[in-house]
């Protein structure tokens, strides 16, 4: 509902944290479309992108390499990006997320 307002809400952002439900294969295409639409905003053209593949504690879930392919991340060349598989519920890899944010 608020996706059309993302440009307004991201002004002055230092990073983009884009969370994908790794357990919901059907919505990955929607996530790809929304991520690339978000990155079309000129002010976000070079901002680092952290893609969190959440819910890796659930089986089946999309693997990191498959998510990179499905989101067409290889086509993002202006923004440095990283994918971190995680589980917010189980606190898996949250330390990696915090480390990445600190270094950005």
Foldseek 3Di string as FASTA:
>chain_A
DCLVVVLVVCPPPQAAEAEDAQVDPVCLLVSLVSVVVSCVNPRNVAHAYEYEHEDVVDPPGDDPVRSCVSSVVVPNDRYHYDYDYAYPVVGGCVVVVVVVVVVD
